Amino acid sequence: MRWTIHDTAQRRLAVVAQFTLPGVPFVYYGEEIGMDGGHDPDCRRPMIWDDRRWDKETLVFYKKIIGIRQSHAALRRGQLIVLGQKLEATPWFYSSHGQDR
């Protein structure tokens, strides 16, 4: 995702959407450590195993969003309800599962 969305804040917003909207989030290997890539065949770079080259901030962010998803059933199995829109391009969502909201 790093090579298509260059802005860190926008990239993180995309990850938040991926982990909070319905469905199973898919993390392509290396995204969690900030690996670069590109169009095929550049998208198949070998995994970087040297943790000194990892983007530690990105890894901490992924761990946090994964923890949030795991701790709330509504984010894993909840029903998504669109509550309305404040602005044309800003929908408001609500997710619930039993008592978890």
N, C-alpha and C. Protein backbone atom coordinates (compact mmCIF):
# COMPACT_ATOMS: atom_id res chain seq x y z
N MET A 1 0.83 -1.18 0.00
CA MET A 1 0.00 0.00 0.00
C MET A 1 0.88 1.25 0.00
N ARG A 2 2.07 1.13 0.51
CA ARG A 2 2.97 2.27 0.65
C ARG A 2 3.29 2.94 -0.69
N TRP A 3 3.38 2.15 -1.75
CA TRP A 3 3.74 2.72 -3.05
C TRP A 3 2.55 3.36 -3.76
N THR A 4 1.32 3.08 -3.30
CA THR A 4 0.15 3.70 -3.93
C THR A 4 -0.39 4.87 -3.11
N ILE A 5 -0.27 4.80 -1.78
CA ILE A 5 -0.70 5.89 -0.90
C ILE A 5 0.54 6.39 -0.18
N HIS A 6 1.06 7.51 -0.61
CA HIS A 6 2.34 7.99 -0.10
C HIS A 6 2.21 8.69 1.25
N ASP A 7 1.07 9.28 1.53
CA ASP A 7 0.86 10.00 2.78
C ASP A 7 0.57 9.03 3.92
N THR A 8 1.36 9.11 4.99
CA THR A 8 1.23 8.17 6.12
C THR A 8 -0.16 8.23 6.75
N ALA A 9 -0.70 9.43 6.96
CA ALA A 9 -2.02 9.56 7.59
C ALA A 9 -3.11 8.93 6.72
N GLN A 10 -3.06 9.13 5.42
CA GLN A 10 -4.05 8.53 4.52
C GLN A 10 -3.89 7.01 4.49
N ARG A 11 -2.67 6.53 4.52
CA ARG A 11 -2.42 5.08 4.52
C ARG A 11 -2.98 4.46 5.79
N ARG A 12 -2.78 5.13 6.91
CA ARG A 12 -3.32 4.61 8.18
C ARG A 12 -4.85 4.64 8.20
N LEU A 13 -5.43 5.67 7.61
CA LEU A 13 -6.89 5.73 7.52
C LEU A 13 -7.42 4.57 6.69
N ALA A 14 -6.73 4.21 5.61
CA ALA A 14 -7.13 3.06 4.80
C ALA A 14 -7.04 1.77 5.61
N VAL A 15 -6.02 1.64 6.43
CA VAL A 15 -5.86 0.45 7.28
C VAL A 15 -6.98 0.39 8.32
N VAL A 16 -7.31 1.53 8.92
CA VAL A 16 -8.41 1.57 9.89
C VAL A 16 -9.70 1.13 9.23
N ALA A 17 -9.98 1.62 8.02
CA ALA A 17 -11.18 1.20 7.30
C ALA A 17 -11.15 -0.31 7.05
N GLN A 18 -10.01 -0.81 6.63
CA GLN A 18 -9.87 -2.24 6.35
C GLN A 18 -10.15 -3.09 7.59
N PHE A 19 -9.74 -2.62 8.76
CA PHE A 19 -9.89 -3.40 9.98
C PHE A 19 -11.20 -3.15 10.71
N THR A 20 -11.99 -2.17 10.29
CA THR A 20 -13.25 -1.88 10.98
C THR A 20 -14.49 -2.11 10.12
N LEU A 21 -14.34 -2.22 8.82
CA LEU A 21 -15.47 -2.51 7.95
C LEU A 21 -15.65 -4.03 7.83
N PRO A 22 -16.82 -4.50 7.40
CA PRO A 22 -17.08 -5.94 7.31
C PRO A 22 -16.06 -6.66 6.42
N GLY A 23 -15.80 -7.89 6.77
CA GLY A 23 -14.88 -8.72 6.00
C GLY A 23 -13.59 -8.97 6.75
N VAL A 24 -12.80 -9.84 6.20
CA VAL A 24 -11.53 -10.21 6.81
C VAL A 24 -10.45 -9.27 6.25
N PRO A 25 -9.73 -8.56 7.12
CA PRO A 25 -8.68 -7.69 6.62
C PRO A 25 -7.54 -8.51 6.03
N PHE A 26 -7.00 -8.05 4.93
CA PHE A 26 -5.89 -8.74 4.27
C PHE A 26 -4.66 -7.84 4.30
N VAL A 27 -3.61 -8.34 4.92
CA VAL A 27 -2.36 -7.60 4.99
C VAL A 27 -1.33 -8.37 4.17
N TYR A 28 -0.90 -7.78 3.07
CA TYR A 28 0.10 -8.40 2.21
C TYR A 28 1.42 -8.38 2.95
N TYR A 29 2.16 -9.46 2.89
CA TYR A 29 3.38 -9.56 3.69
C TYR A 29 4.28 -8.34 3.49
N GLY A 30 4.76 -7.83 4.61
CA GLY A 30 5.65 -6.68 4.58
C GLY A 30 4.96 -5.35 4.79
N GLU A 31 3.64 -5.29 4.56
CA GLU A 31 2.94 -4.02 4.78
C GLU A 31 3.06 -3.57 6.23
N GLU A 32 3.03 -4.52 7.14
CA GLU A 32 3.07 -4.20 8.56
C GLU A 32 4.42 -3.64 9.01
N ILE A 33 5.44 -3.78 8.19
CA ILE A 33 6.76 -3.23 8.52
C ILE A 33 7.17 -2.13 7.56
N GLY A 34 6.23 -1.70 6.70
CA GLY A 34 6.48 -0.59 5.80
C GLY A 34 7.31 -0.92 4.58
N MET A 35 7.26 -2.18 4.12
CA MET A 35 8.00 -2.54 2.92
C MET A 35 7.45 -1.81 1.71
N ASP A 36 8.34 -1.41 0.83
CA ASP A 36 7.94 -0.80 -0.43
C ASP A 36 7.68 -1.89 -1.47
N GLY A 37 6.99 -1.52 -2.49
CA GLY A 37 6.71 -2.43 -3.60
C GLY A 37 6.27 -1.61 -4.79
N GLY A 38 5.73 -2.27 -5.77
CA GLY A 38 5.27 -1.58 -6.96
C GLY A 38 4.43 -2.52 -7.81
N HIS A 39 4.30 -2.17 -9.07
CA HIS A 39 3.57 -3.03 -9.99
C HIS A 39 4.36 -4.31 -10.24
N ASP A 40 3.68 -5.36 -10.64
CA ASP A 40 4.29 -6.65 -10.92
C ASP A 40 5.45 -6.46 -11.90
N PRO A 41 6.59 -6.99 -11.64
CA PRO A 41 6.98 -7.98 -10.63
C PRO A 41 7.54 -7.35 -9.36
N ASP A 42 7.56 -6.04 -9.26
CA ASP A 42 8.14 -5.38 -8.08
C ASP A 42 7.33 -5.63 -6.81
N CYS A 43 6.09 -6.08 -6.95
CA CYS A 43 5.25 -6.34 -5.78
C CYS A 43 5.66 -7.62 -5.06
N ARG A 44 6.54 -8.39 -5.65
CA ARG A 44 6.96 -9.67 -5.06
C ARG A 44 8.38 -9.63 -4.52
N ARG A 45 8.77 -8.52 -3.93
CA ARG A 45 10.09 -8.44 -3.33
C ARG A 45 10.19 -9.43 -2.18
N PRO A 46 11.39 -9.92 -1.91
CA PRO A 46 11.55 -10.83 -0.76
C PRO A 46 11.29 -10.10 0.56
N MET A 47 10.79 -10.83 1.52
CA MET A 47 10.53 -10.27 2.85
C MET A 47 11.84 -9.76 3.45
N ILE A 48 11.76 -8.62 4.10
CA ILE A 48 12.92 -8.08 4.81
C ILE A 48 12.91 -8.66 6.22
N TRP A 49 13.88 -9.48 6.53
CA TRP A 49 13.94 -10.12 7.84
C TRP A 49 14.80 -9.35 8.83
N ASP A 50 15.58 -8.41 8.34
CA ASP A 50 16.44 -7.60 9.20
C ASP A 50 15.57 -6.52 9.86
N ASP A 51 15.23 -6.71 11.13
CA ASP A 51 14.30 -5.80 11.79
C ASP A 51 14.87 -4.39 11.97
N ARG A 52 16.14 -4.19 11.74
CA ARG A 52 16.71 -2.84 11.80
C ARG A 52 16.23 -2.00 10.61
N ARG A 53 15.74 -2.66 9.57
CA ARG A 53 15.25 -1.96 8.38
C ARG A 53 13.73 -1.77 8.40
N TRP A 54 13.07 -2.26 9.43
CA TRP A 54 11.61 -2.15 9.52
C TRP A 54 11.20 -0.74 9.96
N ASP A 55 10.02 -0.33 9.51
CA ASP A 55 9.40 0.90 9.99
C ASP A 55 8.67 0.51 11.27
N LYS A 56 9.31 0.75 12.40
CA LYS A 56 8.76 0.31 13.70
C LYS A 56 7.45 1.01 14.04
N GLU A 57 7.31 2.27 13.63
CA GLU A 57 6.06 3.00 13.88
C GLU A 57 4.88 2.33 13.19
N THR A 58 5.10 1.89 11.96
CA THR A 58 4.05 1.20 11.21
C THR A 58 3.71 -0.12 11.87
N LEU A 59 4.70 -0.85 12.33
CA LEU A 59 4.46 -2.13 13.00
C LEU A 59 3.65 -1.93 14.28
N VAL A 60 4.00 -0.92 15.07
CA VAL A 60 3.24 -0.62 16.29
C VAL A 60 1.79 -0.27 15.95
N PHE A 61 1.60 0.50 14.88
CA PHE A 61 0.25 0.88 14.45
C PHE A 61 -0.57 -0.36 14.09
N TYR A 62 0.00 -1.26 13.29
CA TYR A 62 -0.71 -2.48 12.90
C TYR A 62 -1.05 -3.33 14.12
N LYS A 63 -0.12 -3.46 15.05
CA LYS A 63 -0.39 -4.24 16.26
C LYS A 63 -1.54 -3.63 17.06
N LYS A 64 -1.57 -2.30 17.12
CA LYS A 64 -2.64 -1.62 17.87
C LYS A 64 -3.99 -1.84 17.20
N ILE A 65 -4.08 -1.66 15.89
CA ILE A 65 -5.37 -1.81 15.20
C ILE A 65 -5.82 -3.27 15.22
N ILE A 66 -4.89 -4.21 15.16
CA ILE A 66 -5.24 -5.64 15.28
C ILE A 66 -5.78 -5.91 16.68
N GLY A 67 -5.15 -5.35 17.71
CA GLY A 67 -5.63 -5.53 19.08
C GLY A 67 -7.03 -4.96 19.28
N ILE A 68 -7.29 -3.81 18.70
CA ILE A 68 -8.62 -3.19 18.80
C ILE A 68 -9.65 -4.10 18.14
N ARG A 69 -9.35 -4.60 16.95
CA ARG A 69 -10.27 -5.50 16.25
C ARG A 69 -10.53 -6.78 17.05
N GLN A 70 -9.48 -7.34 17.63
CA GLN A 70 -9.62 -8.58 18.39
C GLN A 70 -10.42 -8.38 19.68
N SER A 71 -10.38 -7.18 20.25
CA SER A 71 -11.05 -6.96 21.52
C SER A 71 -12.52 -6.55 21.38
N HIS A 72 -13.00 -6.35 20.15
CA HIS A 72 -14.39 -5.95 19.94
C HIS A 72 -15.06 -6.87 18.93
N ALA A 73 -15.98 -7.70 19.42
CA ALA A 73 -16.70 -8.63 18.54
C ALA A 73 -17.45 -7.89 17.44
N ALA A 74 -17.92 -6.68 17.73
CA ALA A 74 -18.67 -5.91 16.73
C ALA A 74 -17.82 -5.63 15.49
N LEU A 75 -16.52 -5.53 15.65
CA LEU A 75 -15.64 -5.28 14.50
C LEU A 75 -15.35 -6.55 13.71
N ARG A 76 -15.58 -7.70 14.31
CA ARG A 76 -15.33 -8.97 13.62
C ARG A 76 -16.60 -9.59 13.07
N ARG A 77 -17.70 -9.50 13.83
CA ARG A 77 -18.93 -10.19 13.42
C ARG A 77 -20.15 -9.29 13.45
N GLY A 78 -19.95 -8.02 13.66
CA GLY A 78 -21.07 -7.10 13.85
C GLY A 78 -21.80 -6.75 12.57
N GLN A 79 -22.94 -6.15 12.77
CA GLN A 79 -23.75 -5.67 11.66
C GLN A 79 -23.41 -4.20 11.44
N LEU A 80 -23.13 -3.84 10.20
CA LEU A 80 -22.80 -2.47 9.86
C LEU A 80 -24.07 -1.74 9.45
N ILE A 81 -24.30 -0.61 10.07
CA ILE A 81 -25.48 0.20 9.76
C ILE A 81 -25.00 1.60 9.40
N VAL A 82 -25.42 2.10 8.25
CA VAL A 82 -25.09 3.47 7.85
C VAL A 82 -26.09 4.38 8.52
N LEU A 83 -25.61 5.28 9.38
CA LEU A 83 -26.49 6.17 10.13
C LEU A 83 -26.85 7.42 9.36
N GLY A 84 -26.06 7.79 8.42
CA GLY A 84 -26.32 8.99 7.65
C GLY A 84 -25.02 9.63 7.23
N GLN A 85 -25.12 10.79 6.65
CA GLN A 85 -23.95 11.49 6.18
C GLN A 85 -23.98 12.94 6.63
N LYS A 86 -22.90 13.36 7.24
CA LYS A 86 -22.78 14.76 7.63
C LYS A 86 -22.47 15.60 6.39
N LEU A 87 -21.54 15.12 5.60
CA LEU A 87 -21.20 15.74 4.32
C LEU A 87 -21.39 14.69 3.24
N GLU A 88 -21.43 15.11 2.02
CA GLU A 88 -21.68 14.18 0.92
C GLU A 88 -20.70 13.00 0.90
N ALA A 89 -19.44 13.25 1.23
CA ALA A 89 -18.42 12.19 1.15
C ALA A 89 -18.01 11.66 2.52
N THR A 90 -18.77 11.94 3.58
CA THR A 90 -18.39 11.49 4.92
C THR A 90 -19.52 10.68 5.55
N PRO A 91 -19.61 9.39 5.25
CA PRO A 91 -20.66 8.57 5.87
C PRO A 91 -20.34 8.28 7.33
N TRP A 92 -21.36 8.09 8.13
CA TRP A 92 -21.21 7.72 9.53
C TRP A 92 -21.71 6.29 9.68
N PHE A 93 -20.91 5.44 10.32
CA PHE A 93 -21.24 4.04 10.47
C PHE A 93 -21.36 3.66 11.94
N TYR A 94 -22.07 2.57 12.15
CA TYR A 94 -22.25 2.03 13.49
C TYR A 94 -22.19 0.51 13.35
N SER A 95 -21.45 -0.14 14.21
CA SER A 95 -21.34 -1.59 14.14
C SER A 95 -21.67 -2.17 15.52
N SER A 96 -22.45 -3.23 15.54
CA SER A 96 -22.78 -3.83 16.83
C SER A 96 -22.87 -5.35 16.69
N HIS A 97 -22.62 -6.01 17.83
CA HIS A 97 -22.75 -7.45 17.93
C HIS A 97 -23.10 -7.75 19.38
N GLY A 98 -24.35 -8.10 19.62
CA GLY A 98 -24.79 -8.32 21.00
C GLY A 98 -24.65 -7.03 21.79
N GLN A 99 -23.93 -7.10 22.92
CA GLN A 99 -23.71 -5.92 23.76
C GLN A 99 -22.52 -5.08 23.29
N ASP A 100 -21.72 -5.62 22.38
CA ASP A 100 -20.53 -4.92 21.91
C ASP A 100 -20.91 -3.95 20.79
N ARG A 101 -20.52 -2.69 20.95
CA ARG A 101 -20.83 -1.67 19.95
C ARG A 101 -19.61 -0.83 19.70
